[in-house]
């Protein structure tokens, strides 16, 4: 399947990848290859390294 169109994050570069989580078409800059996710989903998926607050979900 070919991917065509602009990146749905920056809307300026050609889309080259599809996010495995949300399905957005994204450019090379906004794709986390190791995770297979767009930059938005990857940011939500990994813990914030600068945040010293512990979050407990029940």
PDB file of N, CA and C in Angstrom:
ATOM      1  N   UNK A   1       0.847  -1.168   0.000  1.00  0.00           N
ATOM      2  CA  UNK A   1       0.000   0.000   0.000  1.00  0.00           C
ATOM      3  C   UNK A   1       0.894   1.233   0.000  1.00  0.00           C
ATOM      4  N   UNK A   2       0.586   2.156  -0.878  1.00  0.00           N
ATOM      5  CA  UNK A   2       1.407   3.356  -0.950  1.00  0.00           C
ATOM      6  C   UNK A   2       0.796   4.454  -0.083  1.00  0.00           C
ATOM      7  N   UNK A   3       1.659   5.267   0.472  1.00  0.00           N
ATOM      8  CA  UNK A   3       1.225   6.377   1.325  1.00  0.00           C
ATOM      9  C   UNK A   3       1.459   7.661   0.547  1.00  0.00           C
ATOM     10  N   UNK A   4       0.421   8.472   0.442  1.00  0.00           N
ATOM     11  CA  UNK A   4       0.587   9.744  -0.254  1.00  0.00           C
ATOM     12  C   UNK A   4      -0.137  10.834   0.513  1.00  0.00           C
ATOM     13  N   UNK A   5       0.351  12.025   0.385  1.00  0.00           N
ATOM     14  CA  UNK A   5      -0.224  13.168   1.080  1.00  0.00           C
ATOM     15  C   UNK A   5       0.819  13.822   1.962  1.00  0.00           C
ATOM     16  N   UNK A   6       0.352  14.789   2.710  1.00  0.00           N
ATOM     17  CA  UNK A   6       1.237  15.508   3.621  1.00  0.00           C
ATOM     18  C   UNK A   6       1.150  14.937   5.026  1.00  0.00           C
ATOM     19  N   UNK A   7       2.209  15.152   5.774  1.00  0.00           N
ATOM     20  CA  UNK A   7       2.261  14.767   7.183  1.00  0.00           C
ATOM     21  C   UNK A   7       1.095  15.426   7.917  1.00  0.00           C
ATOM     22  N   UNK A   8       0.385  14.647   8.708  1.00  0.00           N
ATOM     23  CA  UNK A   8      -0.764  15.170   9.433  1.00  0.00           C
ATOM     24  C   UNK A   8      -0.365  15.913  10.705  1.00  0.00           C
ATOM     25  N   UNK A   9       0.918  15.983  10.990  1.00  0.00           N
ATOM     26  CA  UNK A   9       1.387  16.759  12.141  1.00  0.00           C
ATOM     27  C   UNK A   9       1.910  18.116  11.677  1.00  0.00           C
ATOM     28  N   UNK A  10       2.880  18.116  10.763  1.00  0.00           N
ATOM     29  CA  UNK A  10       3.463  19.395  10.332  1.00  0.00           C
ATOM     30  C   UNK A  10       2.781  19.981   9.099  1.00  0.00           C
ATOM     31  N   UNK A  11       2.084  19.139   8.365  1.00  0.00           N
ATOM     32  CA  UNK A  11       1.368  19.550   7.152  1.00  0.00           C
ATOM     33  C   UNK A  11       2.254  20.239   6.117  1.00  0.00           C
ATOM     34  N   UNK A  12       3.557  19.904   6.110  1.00  0.00           N
ATOM     35  CA  UNK A  12       4.444  20.514   5.128  1.00  0.00           C
ATOM     36  C   UNK A  12       5.337  19.509   4.411  1.00  0.00           C
ATOM     37  N   UNK A  13       5.649  18.384   5.037  1.00  0.00           N
ATOM     38  CA  UNK A  13       6.508  17.376   4.417  1.00  0.00           C
ATOM     39  C   UNK A  13       5.647  16.221   3.901  1.00  0.00           C
ATOM     40  N   UNK A  14       6.140  15.505   2.889  1.00  0.00           N
ATOM     41  CA  UNK A  14       5.405  14.339   2.396  1.00  0.00           C
ATOM     42  C   UNK A  14       5.321  13.246   3.461  1.00  0.00           C
ATOM     43  N   UNK A  15       4.167  12.634   3.584  1.00  0.00           N
ATOM     44  CA  UNK A  15       3.985  11.528   4.524  1.00  0.00           C
ATOM     45  C   UNK A  15       4.689  10.289   3.989  1.00  0.00           C
ATOM     46  N   UNK A  16       5.410   9.606   4.867  1.00  0.00           N
ATOM     47  CA  UNK A  16       6.137   8.394   4.484  1.00  0.00           C
ATOM     48  C   UNK A  16       5.773   7.206   5.355  1.00  0.00           C
ATOM     49  N   UNK A  17       5.072   7.443   6.460  1.00  0.00           N
ATOM     50  CA  UNK A  17       4.756   6.376   7.413  1.00  0.00           C
ATOM     51  C   UNK A  17       3.323   6.523   7.902  1.00  0.00           C
ATOM     52  N   UNK A  18       2.775   5.424   8.435  1.00  0.00           N
ATOM     53  CA  UNK A  18       1.465   5.441   9.076  1.00  0.00           C
ATOM     54  C   UNK A  18       1.647   4.995  10.528  1.00  0.00           C
ATOM     55  N   UNK A  19       1.106   5.762  11.454  1.00  0.00           N
ATOM     56  CA  UNK A  19       1.197   5.437  12.879  1.00  0.00           C
ATOM     57  C   UNK A  19       0.402   4.160  13.172  1.00  0.00           C
ATOM     58  N   UNK A  20       1.029   3.242  13.881  1.00  0.00           N
ATOM     59  CA  UNK A  20       0.385   1.982  14.238  1.00  0.00           C
ATOM     60  C   UNK A  20      -0.722   2.174  15.270  1.00  0.00           C
ATOM     61  N   UNK A  21      -0.716   3.292  15.978  1.00  0.00           N
ATOM     62  CA  UNK A  21      -1.713   3.527  17.020  1.00  0.00           C
ATOM     63  C   UNK A  21      -2.917   4.304  16.493  1.00  0.00           C
ATOM     64  N   UNK A  22      -2.686   5.483  15.949  1.00  0.00           N
ATOM     65  CA  UNK A  22      -3.797   6.356  15.545  1.00  0.00           C
ATOM     66  C   UNK A  22      -4.076   6.343  14.051  1.00  0.00           C
ATOM     67  N   UNK A  23      -3.136   5.824  13.257  1.00  0.00           N
ATOM     68  CA  UNK A  23      -3.328   5.753  11.818  1.00  0.00           C
ATOM     69  C   UNK A  23      -2.945   7.013  11.055  1.00  0.00           C
ATOM     70  N   UNK A  24      -2.459   8.039  11.756  1.00  0.00           N
ATOM     71  CA  UNK A  24      -2.049   9.263  11.074  1.00  0.00           C
ATOM     72  C   UNK A  24      -0.919   8.988  10.091  1.00  0.00           C
ATOM     73  N   UNK A  25      -0.951   9.690   8.970  1.00  0.00           N
ATOM     74  CA  UNK A  25       0.146   9.654   8.011  1.00  0.00           C
ATOM     75  C   UNK A  25       1.137  10.726   8.423  1.00  0.00           C
ATOM     76  N   UNK A  26       2.405  10.344   8.567  1.00  0.00           N
ATOM     77  CA  UNK A  26       3.403  11.289   9.062  1.00  0.00           C
ATOM     78  C   UNK A  26       4.697  11.205   8.268  1.00  0.00           C
ATOM     79  N   UNK A  27       5.457  12.305   8.320  1.00  0.00           N
ATOM     80  CA  UNK A  27       6.755  12.372   7.644  1.00  0.00           C
ATOM     81  C   UNK A  27       7.816  11.666   8.484  1.00  0.00           C
ATOM     82  N   UNK A  28       9.003  11.581   7.926  1.00  0.00           N
ATOM     83  CA  UNK A  28      10.129  10.944   8.613  1.00  0.00           C
ATOM     84  C   UNK A  28      10.454  11.636   9.930  1.00  0.00           C
ATOM     85  N   UNK A  29      10.341  12.961   9.976  1.00  0.00           N
ATOM     86  CA  UNK A  29      10.666  13.738  11.174  1.00  0.00           C
ATOM     87  C   UNK A  29       9.706  13.431  12.318  1.00  0.00           C
ATOM     88  N   UNK A  30       8.456  13.186  12.010  1.00  0.00           N
ATOM     89  CA  UNK A  30       7.430  12.988  13.038  1.00  0.00           C
ATOM     90  C   UNK A  30       7.070  11.513  13.234  1.00  0.00           C
ATOM     91  N   UNK A  31       7.991  10.610  12.926  1.00  0.00           N
ATOM     92  CA  UNK A  31       7.769   9.176  13.096  1.00  0.00           C
ATOM     93  C   UNK A  31       8.862   8.581  13.958  1.00  0.00           C
ATOM     94  N   UNK A  32       8.471   7.860  14.986  1.00  0.00           N
ATOM     95  CA  UNK A  32       9.410   7.157  15.865  1.00  0.00           C
ATOM     96  C   UNK A  32       9.523   5.719  15.358  1.00  0.00           C
ATOM     97  N   UNK A  33      10.572   5.444  14.604  1.00  0.00           N
ATOM     98  CA  UNK A  33      10.738   4.160  13.935  1.00  0.00           C
ATOM     99  C   UNK A  33      10.743   2.996  14.921  1.00  0.00           C
ATOM    100  N   UNK A  34      11.448   3.132  16.033  1.00  0.00           N
ATOM    101  CA  UNK A  34      11.557   2.036  17.003  1.00  0.00           C
ATOM    102  C   UNK A  34      10.203   1.639  17.570  1.00  0.00           C
ATOM    103  N   UNK A  35       9.315   2.613  17.715  1.00  0.00           N
ATOM    104  CA  UNK A  35       8.003   2.363  18.308  1.00  0.00           C
ATOM    105  C   UNK A  35       6.916   2.156  17.256  1.00  0.00           C
ATOM    106  N   UNK A  36       7.177   2.594  16.032  1.00  0.00           N
ATOM    107  CA  UNK A  36       6.174   2.502  14.982  1.00  0.00           C
ATOM    108  C   UNK A  36       5.033   3.490  15.169  1.00  0.00           C
ATOM    109  N   UNK A  37       5.324   4.580  15.887  1.00  0.00           N
ATOM    110  CA  UNK A  37       4.293   5.551  16.244  1.00  0.00           C
ATOM    111  C   UNK A  37       4.639   6.945  15.745  1.00  0.00           C
ATOM    112  N   UNK A  38       3.597   7.755  15.545  1.00  0.00           N
ATOM    113  CA  UNK A  38       3.825   9.165  15.235  1.00  0.00           C
ATOM    114  C   UNK A  38       4.362   9.853  16.493  1.00  0.00           C
ATOM    115  N   UNK A  39       4.897  11.041  16.325  1.00  0.00           N
ATOM    116  CA  UNK A  39       5.487  11.766  17.450  1.00  0.00           C
ATOM    117  C   UNK A  39       4.476  12.015  18.560  1.00  0.00           C
ATOM    118  N   UNK A  40       3.208  12.300  18.207  1.00  0.00           N
ATOM    119  CA  UNK A  40       2.183  12.547  19.221  1.00  0.00           C
ATOM    120  C   UNK A  40       1.917  11.299  20.059  1.00  0.00           C
ATOM    121  N   UNK A  41       1.729  10.165  19.417  1.00  0.00           N
ATOM    122  CA  UNK A  41       1.454   8.919  20.148  1.00  0.00           C
ATOM    123  C   UNK A  41       2.681   8.454  20.927  1.00  0.00           C
ATOM    124  N   UNK A  42       3.866   8.629  20.360  1.00  0.00           N
ATOM    125  CA  UNK A  42       5.093   8.228  21.051  1.00  0.00           C
ATOM    126  C   UNK A  42       5.293   9.042  22.313  1.00  0.00           C
ATOM    127  N   UNK A  43       4.943  10.323  22.269  1.00  0.00           N
ATOM    128  CA  UNK A  43       5.070  11.181  23.442  1.00  0.00           C
ATOM    129  C   UNK A  43       4.140  10.698  24.548  1.00  0.00           C
ATOM    130  N   UNK A  44       2.945  10.262  24.182  1.00  0.00           N
ATOM    131  CA  UNK A  44       1.982   9.768  25.165  1.00  0.00           C
ATOM    132  C   UNK A  44       2.371   8.387  25.684  1.00  0.00           C
ATOM    133  N   UNK A  45       3.052   7.602  24.858  1.00  0.00           N
ATOM    134  CA  UNK A  45       3.387   6.228  25.220  1.00  0.00           C
ATOM    135  C   UNK A  45       4.574   6.109  26.163  1.00  0.00           C
ATOM    136  N   UNK A  46       5.518   7.030  26.072  1.00  0.00           N
ATOM    137  CA  UNK A  46       6.705   6.913  26.921  1.00  0.00           C
ATOM    138  C   UNK A  46       6.605   7.882  28.098  1.00  0.00           C
ATOM    139  N   UNK A  47       7.097   7.466  29.230  1.00  0.00           N
ATOM    140  CA  UNK A  47       7.056   8.354  30.395  1.00  0.00           C
ATOM    141  C   UNK A  47       7.936   9.576  30.192  1.00  0.00           C
ATOM    142  N   UNK A  48       7.506  10.681  30.729  1.00  0.00           N
ATOM    143  CA  UNK A  48       8.258  11.932  30.634  1.00  0.00           C
ATOM    144  C   UNK A  48       9.500  11.824  31.508  1.00  0.00           C
ATOM    145  N   UNK A  49      10.652  11.921  30.900  1.00  0.00           N
ATOM    146  CA  UNK A  49      11.912  11.768  31.625  1.00  0.00           C
ATOM    147  C   UNK A  49      12.184  12.924  32.585  1.00  0.00           C
ATOM    148  N   UNK A  50      11.602  14.107  32.330  1.00  0.00           N
ATOM    149  CA  UNK A  50      11.867  15.273  33.161  1.00  0.00           C
ATOM    150  C   UNK A  50      10.882  15.427  34.313  1.00  0.00           C
ATOM    151  N   UNK A  51       9.892  14.591  34.374  1.00  0.00           N
ATOM    152  CA  UNK A  51       8.836  14.723  35.375  1.00  0.00           C
ATOM    153  C   UNK A  51       9.183  13.878  36.602  1.00  0.00           C
ATOM    154  N   UNK A  52       9.280  14.516  37.760  1.00  0.00           N
ATOM    155  CA  UNK A  52       9.601  13.802  38.993  1.00  0.00           C
ATOM    156  C   UNK A  52       8.361  13.350  39.745  1.00  0.00           C
ATOM    157  N   UNK A  53       7.188  13.541  39.174  1.00  0.00           N
ATOM    158  CA  UNK A  53       5.932  13.191  39.835  1.00  0.00           C
ATOM    159  C   UNK A  53       5.586  11.741  39.491  1.00  0.00           C
ATOM    160  N   UNK A  54       5.267  10.961  40.532  1.00  0.00           N
ATOM    161  CA  UNK A  54       4.825   9.587  40.315  1.00  0.00           C
ATOM    162  C   UNK A  54       3.320   9.583  40.094  1.00  0.00           C
ATOM    163  N   UNK A  55       2.881   8.867  39.086  1.00  0.00           N
ATOM    164  CA  UNK A  55       1.449   8.774  38.803  1.00  0.00           C
ATOM    165  C   UNK A  55       1.023   7.348  39.109  1.00  0.00           C
ATOM    166  N   UNK A  56      -0.005   7.216  39.910  1.00  0.00           N
ATOM    167  CA  UNK A  56      -0.554   5.909  40.266  1.00  0.00           C
ATOM    168  C   UNK A  56      -1.975   5.829  39.740  1.00  0.00           C
ATOM    169  N   UNK A  57      -2.232   4.851  38.891  1.00  0.00           N
ATOM    170  CA  UNK A  57      -3.563   4.660  38.332  1.00  0.00           C
ATOM    171  C   UNK A  57      -4.190   3.435  38.958  1.00  0.00           C
ATOM    172  N   UNK A  58      -5.423   3.563  39.359  1.00  0.00           N
ATOM    173  CA  UNK A  58      -6.152   2.444  39.971  1.00  0.00           C
ATOM    174  C   UNK A  58      -7.309   2.044  39.115  1.00  0.00           C
TER     175      UNK A  58
END
